[in-house]
């Protein structure tokens, strides 16, 4: 049976580890799946296709974008499949849309798809022009906003994007779905915006987003709980 209200399963940082997909109880019945980035571990289209096909075998309604660990051609392939989210604005339900910005800010690790923070800022501005008409808006940003519970490394350093934070402060989307920093599985707030980092899929982290009676909500979930 479908859910009583529209809902979406959200995860990222898959890195090719798809075994947990079959352990997400809501996945088959959800209205769709949002993948916030890092389908692969420095992989290209072949590796990304395996991940997407594994998801589609359970739920074919997928929106996905690359993270810093995916090769750039993966996004072109996702776009060609009609499943691309990076730089796109997509209606999820009447009055509700999602906009996506993938890749990541610069890291010390020289991963395949990194850009300076000013590029993230420009992408956010440009993509918002496609999304500003939605009454309720979700931002899917692979890179978390700076200085939140969602961007803290194991050493305690905040490594998120100032551009993402400034965009959220200015626009106040209802929800920001993020990832990138596996150990920062948490929910935080920037003003009225709820910021959710479910952690990496291999560790069992995902989120469930619901939209009922004009109210947008997100819940952190852990496989096995």
C-alpha atoms as a PDB file:
ATOM      1  CA  UNK A   1       0.000   0.000   0.000  1.00  0.00           C
ATOM      2  CA  UNK A   2       1.226   3.544  -0.649  1.00  0.00           C
ATOM      3  CA  UNK A   3       1.914   5.858   2.243  1.00  0.00           C
ATOM      4  CA  UNK A   4      -1.029   7.969   3.390  1.00  0.00           C
ATOM      5  CA  UNK A   5       0.978  11.115   2.672  1.00  0.00           C
ATOM      6  CA  UNK A   6       3.687  11.759   0.077  1.00  0.00           C
ATOM      7  CA  UNK A   7       7.098  10.619   1.304  1.00  0.00           C
ATOM      8  CA  UNK A   8      10.593  10.308  -0.079  1.00  0.00           C
ATOM      9  CA  UNK A   9      13.547   8.219   1.023  1.00  0.00           C
ATOM     10  CA  UNK A  10      16.763  10.247   1.111  1.00  0.00           C
ATOM     11  CA  UNK A  11      20.348   9.055   1.358  1.00  0.00           C
ATOM     12  CA  UNK A  12      23.791   9.760   0.000  1.00  0.00           C
ATOM     13  CA  UNK A  13      27.406   8.707   0.378  1.00  0.00           C
ATOM     14  CA  UNK A  14      26.638   5.314  -1.096  1.00  0.00           C
ATOM     15  CA  UNK A  15      30.178   4.789  -2.421  1.00  0.00           C
ATOM     16  CA  UNK A  16      29.034   1.687  -4.261  1.00  0.00           C
ATOM     17  CA  UNK A  17      27.777  -0.068  -1.119  1.00  0.00           C
ATOM     18  CA  UNK A  18      24.207  -0.954  -2.078  1.00  0.00           C
ATOM     19  CA  UNK A  19      23.519  -3.944   0.205  1.00  0.00           C
ATOM     20  CA  UNK A  20      21.578  -1.811   2.689  1.00  0.00           C
ATOM     21  CA  UNK A  21      19.052  -0.732   0.070  1.00  0.00           C
ATOM     22  CA  UNK A  22      17.045  -3.895   0.607  1.00  0.00           C
ATOM     23  CA  UNK A  23      16.939  -3.152   4.341  1.00  0.00           C
ATOM     24  CA  UNK A  24      15.150   0.206   3.996  1.00  0.00           C
ATOM     25  CA  UNK A  25      11.541  -0.725   4.770  1.00  0.00           C
ATOM     26  CA  UNK A  26      10.020   2.421   3.247  1.00  0.00           C
ATOM     27  CA  UNK A  27      11.952   2.279  -0.025  1.00  0.00           C
ATOM     28  CA  UNK A  28       9.551   0.308  -2.205  1.00  0.00           C
ATOM     29  CA  UNK A  29       6.457   2.281  -1.167  1.00  0.00           C
ATOM     30  CA  UNK A  30       7.976   5.768  -1.171  1.00  0.00           C
ATOM     31  CA  UNK A  31       6.921   8.307  -3.788  1.00  0.00           C
ATOM     32  CA  UNK A  32      10.546   8.638  -4.762  1.00  0.00           C
ATOM     33  CA  UNK A  33      14.215   8.492  -3.826  1.00  0.00           C
ATOM     34  CA  UNK A  34      16.589  11.450  -3.509  1.00  0.00           C
ATOM     35  CA  UNK A  35      20.332  10.707  -3.662  1.00  0.00           C
ATOM     36  CA  UNK A  36      22.353  13.671  -2.415  1.00  0.00           C
ATOM     37  CA  UNK A  37      25.718  12.642  -3.870  1.00  0.00           C
ATOM     38  CA  UNK A  38      28.639  10.201  -3.838  1.00  0.00           C
ATOM     39  CA  UNK A  39      27.096   7.255  -5.611  1.00  0.00           C
ATOM     40  CA  UNK A  40      30.571   5.809  -6.195  1.00  0.00           C
ATOM     41  CA  UNK A  41      34.095   5.838  -4.830  1.00  0.00           C
ATOM     42  CA  UNK A  42      35.967   7.737  -7.535  1.00  0.00           C
ATOM     43  CA  UNK A  43      33.857   5.909 -10.092  1.00  0.00           C
ATOM     44  CA  UNK A  44      32.457   6.716 -13.490  1.00  0.00           C
ATOM     45  CA  UNK A  45      29.256   5.927 -15.360  1.00  0.00           C
ATOM     46  CA  UNK A  46      29.569   2.136 -15.160  1.00  0.00           C
ATOM     47  CA  UNK A  47      29.850   2.201 -11.373  1.00  0.00           C
ATOM     48  CA  UNK A  48      27.077   4.783 -11.035  1.00  0.00           C
ATOM     49  CA  UNK A  49      24.797   2.758 -13.292  1.00  0.00           C
ATOM     50  CA  UNK A  50      25.148  -0.244 -10.968  1.00  0.00           C
ATOM     51  CA  UNK A  51      24.075   1.890  -8.000  1.00  0.00           C
ATOM     52  CA  UNK A  52      21.125   3.469  -9.812  1.00  0.00           C
ATOM     53  CA  UNK A  53      19.965   0.110 -11.162  1.00  0.00           C
ATOM     54  CA  UNK A  54      20.107  -1.352  -7.652  1.00  0.00           C
ATOM     55  CA  UNK A  55      17.879   1.449  -6.379  1.00  0.00           C
ATOM     56  CA  UNK A  56      15.561   1.268  -9.392  1.00  0.00           C
ATOM     57  CA  UNK A  57      15.021  -2.442  -8.819  1.00  0.00           C
ATOM     58  CA  UNK A  58      13.187  -1.444  -5.629  1.00  0.00           C
ATOM     59  CA  UNK A  59      11.886   2.033  -6.564  1.00  0.00           C
ATOM     60  CA  UNK A  60      12.365   3.503 -10.049  1.00  0.00           C
ATOM     61  CA  UNK A  61      11.481   7.092  -9.092  1.00  0.00           C
ATOM     62  CA  UNK A  62      14.976   8.481  -8.525  1.00  0.00           C
ATOM     63  CA  UNK A  63      16.535  11.939  -8.463  1.00  0.00           C
ATOM     64  CA  UNK A  64      20.303  11.933  -8.024  1.00  0.00           C
ATOM     65  CA  UNK A  65      23.345  14.155  -8.242  1.00  0.00           C
ATOM     66  CA  UNK A  66      27.065  13.569  -8.032  1.00  0.00           C
ATOM     67  CA  UNK A  67      29.194  14.300  -5.018  1.00  0.00           C
ATOM     68  CA  UNK A  68      32.900  14.971  -4.928  1.00  0.00           C
ATOM     69  CA  UNK A  69      33.738  11.254  -5.177  1.00  0.00           C
ATOM     70  CA  UNK A  70      31.956  10.747  -8.516  1.00  0.00           C
ATOM     71  CA  UNK A  71      33.505  11.538 -11.883  1.00  0.00           C
ATOM     72  CA  UNK A  72      31.851  14.467 -13.678  1.00  0.00           C
ATOM     73  CA  UNK A  73      30.465  12.420 -16.618  1.00  0.00           C
ATOM     74  CA  UNK A  74      28.182  10.643 -14.138  1.00  0.00           C
ATOM     75  CA  UNK A  75      26.052  13.779 -13.890  1.00  0.00           C
ATOM     76  CA  UNK A  76      25.656  13.975 -17.645  1.00  0.00           C
ATOM     77  CA  UNK A  77      24.535  10.344 -17.609  1.00  0.00           C
ATOM     78  CA  UNK A  78      22.035  10.994 -14.783  1.00  0.00           C
ATOM     79  CA  UNK A  79      20.675  13.995 -16.683  1.00  0.00           C
ATOM     80  CA  UNK A  80      20.326  11.875 -19.801  1.00  0.00           C
ATOM     81  CA  UNK A  81      18.359   9.319 -17.795  1.00  0.00           C
ATOM     82  CA  UNK A  82      15.941  12.012 -16.639  1.00  0.00           C
ATOM     83  CA  UNK A  83      17.102  11.473 -13.069  1.00  0.00           C
ATOM     84  CA  UNK A  84      19.515  14.381 -12.682  1.00  0.00           C
ATOM     85  CA  UNK A  85      19.162  16.759  -9.728  1.00  0.00           C
ATOM     86  CA  UNK A  86      22.334  18.884  -9.884  1.00  0.00           C
ATOM     87  CA  UNK A  87      21.406  22.410 -11.063  1.00  0.00           C
ATOM     88  CA  UNK A  88      17.792  21.299 -11.511  1.00  0.00           C
ATOM     89  CA  UNK A  89      14.514  22.229  -9.832  1.00  0.00           C
ATOM     90  CA  UNK A  90      11.941  19.437  -9.787  1.00  0.00           C
ATOM     91  CA  UNK A  91       8.363  19.389  -8.544  1.00  0.00           C
ATOM     92  CA  UNK A  92       7.819  16.565  -6.047  1.00  0.00           C
ATOM     93  CA  UNK A  93       4.185  17.300  -5.202  1.00  0.00           C
ATOM     94  CA  UNK A  94       1.832  20.234  -5.762  1.00  0.00           C
ATOM     95  CA  UNK A  95       3.470  23.208  -4.067  1.00  0.00           C
ATOM     96  CA  UNK A  96       6.664  21.292  -3.192  1.00  0.00           C
ATOM     97  CA  UNK A  97       9.905  21.320  -5.129  1.00  0.00           C
ATOM     98  CA  UNK A  98      13.513  20.256  -4.707  1.00  0.00           C
ATOM     99  CA  UNK A  99      16.605  21.982  -6.080  1.00  0.00           C
ATOM    100  CA  UNK A 100      19.996  20.320  -6.205  1.00  0.00           C
ATOM    101  CA  UNK A 101      23.634  21.351  -6.039  1.00  0.00           C
ATOM    102  CA  UNK A 102      26.094  18.477  -6.094  1.00  0.00           C
ATOM    103  CA  UNK A 103      29.891  18.225  -6.248  1.00  0.00           C
ATOM    104  CA  UNK A 104      31.564  19.639  -3.118  1.00  0.00           C
ATOM    105  CA  UNK A 105      33.710  22.473  -1.927  1.00  0.00           C
ATOM    106  CA  UNK A 106      37.477  22.078  -1.994  1.00  0.00           C
ATOM    107  CA  UNK A 107      38.899  19.288   0.172  1.00  0.00           C
ATOM    108  CA  UNK A 108      42.472  18.310   1.150  1.00  0.00           C
ATOM    109  CA  UNK A 109      42.035  15.030  -0.715  1.00  0.00           C
ATOM    110  CA  UNK A 110      41.887  16.216  -4.350  1.00  0.00           C
ATOM    111  CA  UNK A 111      38.748  14.217  -5.088  1.00  0.00           C
ATOM    112  CA  UNK A 112      37.313  14.128  -8.617  1.00  0.00           C
ATOM    113  CA  UNK A 113      34.512  16.723  -8.404  1.00  0.00           C
ATOM    114  CA  UNK A 114      35.421  19.688  -6.223  1.00  0.00           C
ATOM    115  CA  UNK A 115      34.864  23.387  -6.863  1.00  0.00           C
ATOM    116  CA  UNK A 116      35.679  26.584  -4.951  1.00  0.00           C
ATOM    117  CA  UNK A 117      32.994  27.942  -2.658  1.00  0.00           C
ATOM    118  CA  UNK A 118      32.253  30.824  -5.033  1.00  0.00           C
ATOM    119  CA  UNK A 119      31.187  28.285  -7.659  1.00  0.00           C
ATOM    120  CA  UNK A 120      28.777  26.667  -5.207  1.00  0.00           C
ATOM    121  CA  UNK A 121      27.420  30.146  -4.481  1.00  0.00           C
ATOM    122  CA  UNK A 122      26.848  30.845  -8.179  1.00  0.00           C
ATOM    123  CA  UNK A 123      25.208  27.462  -8.725  1.00  0.00           C
ATOM    124  CA  UNK A 124      22.868  28.045  -5.794  1.00  0.00           C
ATOM    125  CA  UNK A 125      21.794  31.443  -7.123  1.00  0.00           C
ATOM    126  CA  UNK A 126      21.249  30.163 -10.650  1.00  0.00           C
ATOM    127  CA  UNK A 127      19.353  27.054  -9.582  1.00  0.00           C
ATOM    128  CA  UNK A 128      17.158  28.989  -7.189  1.00  0.00           C
ATOM    129  CA  UNK A 129      15.891  31.023 -10.137  1.00  0.00           C
ATOM    130  CA  UNK A 130      14.330  27.781 -11.387  1.00  0.00           C
ATOM    131  CA  UNK A 131      12.915  26.923  -7.957  1.00  0.00           C
ATOM    132  CA  UNK A 132      11.775  30.176  -6.391  1.00  0.00           C
ATOM    133  CA  UNK A 133       8.151  29.692  -7.442  1.00  0.00           C
ATOM    134  CA  UNK A 134       7.700  26.664  -5.176  1.00  0.00           C
ATOM    135  CA  UNK A 135       5.767  27.500  -2.021  1.00  0.00           C
ATOM    136  CA  UNK A 136       7.704  24.798  -0.178  1.00  0.00           C
ATOM    137  CA  UNK A 137      11.324  24.156  -1.140  1.00  0.00           C
ATOM    138  CA  UNK A 138      13.896  21.478  -0.384  1.00  0.00           C
ATOM    139  CA  UNK A 139      17.581  22.130  -1.043  1.00  0.00           C
ATOM    140  CA  UNK A 140      19.629  19.011  -1.743  1.00  0.00           C
ATOM    141  CA  UNK A 141      23.264  20.035  -1.271  1.00  0.00           C
ATOM    142  CA  UNK A 142      25.985  17.402  -1.128  1.00  0.00           C
ATOM    143  CA  UNK A 143      28.126  19.847   0.843  1.00  0.00           C
ATOM    144  CA  UNK A 144      26.640  20.746   4.236  1.00  0.00           C
ATOM    145  CA  UNK A 145      26.310  24.327   5.423  1.00  0.00           C
ATOM    146  CA  UNK A 146      29.190  25.648   7.511  1.00  0.00           C
ATOM    147  CA  UNK A 147      29.109  25.702  11.310  1.00  0.00           C
ATOM    148  CA  UNK A 148      26.274  23.258  11.936  1.00  0.00           C
ATOM    149  CA  UNK A 149      25.954  19.825  13.440  1.00  0.00           C
ATOM    150  CA  UNK A 150      26.063  18.418   9.913  1.00  0.00           C
ATOM    151  CA  UNK A 151      29.565  19.510   8.876  1.00  0.00           C
ATOM    152  CA  UNK A 152      31.849  18.448  11.748  1.00  0.00           C
ATOM    153  CA  UNK A 153      34.739  16.091  11.039  1.00  0.00           C
ATOM    154  CA  UNK A 154      36.000  13.533  13.513  1.00  0.00           C
ATOM    155  CA  UNK A 155      38.589  16.037  14.684  1.00  0.00           C
ATOM    156  CA  UNK A 156      35.855  18.550  15.549  1.00  0.00           C
ATOM    157  CA  UNK A 157      36.486  20.909  12.618  1.00  0.00           C
ATOM    158  CA  UNK A 158      33.590  22.521  10.738  1.00  0.00           C
ATOM    159  CA  UNK A 159      34.315  21.974   7.034  1.00  0.00           C
ATOM    160  CA  UNK A 160      30.998  22.869   5.420  1.00  0.00           C
ATOM    161  CA  UNK A 161      30.328  25.543   2.844  1.00  0.00           C
ATOM    162  CA  UNK A 162      29.858  29.179   3.831  1.00  0.00           C
ATOM    163  CA  UNK A 163      28.097  29.719   0.500  1.00  0.00           C
ATOM    164  CA  UNK A 164      25.528  27.025   1.311  1.00  0.00           C
ATOM    165  CA  UNK A 165      24.988  28.515   4.758  1.00  0.00           C
ATOM    166  CA  UNK A 166      24.575  32.052   3.387  1.00  0.00           C
ATOM    167  CA  UNK A 167      22.087  30.802   0.803  1.00  0.00           C
ATOM    168  CA  UNK A 168      20.048  29.053   3.479  1.00  0.00           C
ATOM    169  CA  UNK A 169      20.116  32.119   5.721  1.00  0.00           C
ATOM    170  CA  UNK A 170      18.871  34.278   2.866  1.00  0.00           C
ATOM    171  CA  UNK A 171      16.306  31.984   1.219  1.00  0.00           C
ATOM    172  CA  UNK A 172      15.199  29.840   4.183  1.00  0.00           C
ATOM    173  CA  UNK A 173      14.107  26.714   2.308  1.00  0.00           C
ATOM    174  CA  UNK A 174      11.974  24.448   4.437  1.00  0.00           C
ATOM    175  CA  UNK A 175      14.558  21.686   4.382  1.00  0.00           C
ATOM    176  CA  UNK A 176      18.200  21.124   3.436  1.00  0.00           C
ATOM    177  CA  UNK A 177      19.231  17.547   2.694  1.00  0.00           C
ATOM    178  CA  UNK A 178      22.965  17.058   2.809  1.00  0.00           C
ATOM    179  CA  UNK A 179      25.764  14.551   3.412  1.00  0.00           C
ATOM    180  CA  UNK A 180      29.472  14.435   2.547  1.00  0.00           C
ATOM    181  CA  UNK A 181      30.673  14.297   6.164  1.00  0.00           C
ATOM    182  CA  UNK A 182      29.773  10.745   7.166  1.00  0.00           C
ATOM    183  CA  UNK A 183      30.441  11.214  10.868  1.00  0.00           C
ATOM    184  CA  UNK A 184      28.123  14.237  11.099  1.00  0.00           C
ATOM    185  CA  UNK A 185      24.855  12.332  11.011  1.00  0.00           C
ATOM    186  CA  UNK A 186      22.512  14.842  12.635  1.00  0.00           C
ATOM    187  CA  UNK A 187      19.642  17.300  12.390  1.00  0.00           C
ATOM    188  CA  UNK A 188      20.275  21.013  12.897  1.00  0.00           C
ATOM    189  CA  UNK A 189      18.528  24.299  12.129  1.00  0.00           C
ATOM    190  CA  UNK A 190      19.490  27.517  10.396  1.00  0.00           C
ATOM    191  CA  UNK A 191      16.654  29.863  11.164  1.00  0.00           C
ATOM    192  CA  UNK A 192      13.496  28.175   9.909  1.00  0.00           C
ATOM    193  CA  UNK A 193      15.422  25.669   7.769  1.00  0.00           C
ATOM    194  CA  UNK A 194      15.834  22.110   9.021  1.00  0.00           C
ATOM    195  CA  UNK A 195      19.218  20.690   7.957  1.00  0.00           C
ATOM    196  CA  UNK A 196      19.516  16.896   7.774  1.00  0.00           C
ATOM    197  CA  UNK A 197      22.637  14.795   7.230  1.00  0.00           C
ATOM    198  CA  UNK A 198      21.661  11.104   7.406  1.00  0.00           C
ATOM    199  CA  UNK A 199      25.273   9.878   7.307  1.00  0.00           C
ATOM    200  CA  UNK A 200      26.518   7.273   4.866  1.00  0.00           C
ATOM    201  CA  UNK A 201      24.317   4.464   3.571  1.00  0.00           C
ATOM    202  CA  UNK A 202      26.850   1.733   4.448  1.00  0.00           C
ATOM    203  CA  UNK A 203      26.456   2.720   8.106  1.00  0.00           C
ATOM    204  CA  UNK A 204      22.680   2.424   7.726  1.00  0.00           C
ATOM    205  CA  UNK A 205      21.823   6.108   7.595  1.00  0.00           C
ATOM    206  CA  UNK A 206      18.943   7.522   5.620  1.00  0.00           C
ATOM    207  CA  UNK A 207      16.139  10.032   6.071  1.00  0.00           C
ATOM    208  CA  UNK A 208      12.427   9.996   5.433  1.00  0.00           C
ATOM    209  CA  UNK A 209      10.840  13.202   4.144  1.00  0.00           C
ATOM    210  CA  UNK A 210       7.081  13.673   4.370  1.00  0.00           C
ATOM    211  CA  UNK A 211       4.744  16.365   3.117  1.00  0.00           C
ATOM    212  CA  UNK A 212       1.291  16.413   4.663  1.00  0.00           C
ATOM    213  CA  UNK A 213      -1.258  19.220   4.822  1.00  0.00           C
ATOM    214  CA  UNK A 214       1.333  21.742   3.683  1.00  0.00           C
ATOM    215  CA  UNK A 215       3.821  20.695   6.374  1.00  0.00           C
ATOM    216  CA  UNK A 216       7.277  19.512   5.290  1.00  0.00           C
ATOM    217  CA  UNK A 217       9.101  17.247   7.735  1.00  0.00           C
ATOM    218  CA  UNK A 218      12.184  15.030   7.815  1.00  0.00           C
ATOM    219  CA  UNK A 219      13.160  12.213  10.143  1.00  0.00           C
ATOM    220  CA  UNK A 220      16.573  10.632  10.578  1.00  0.00           C
ATOM    221  CA  UNK A 221      16.372   6.857  10.213  1.00  0.00           C
ATOM    222  CA  UNK A 222      18.834   4.073  10.894  1.00  0.00           C
ATOM    223  CA  UNK A 223      18.548   0.646   9.318  1.00  0.00           C
ATOM    224  CA  UNK A 224      17.942  -1.950  11.981  1.00  0.00           C
ATOM    225  CA  UNK A 225      16.448   0.404  14.550  1.00  0.00           C
END
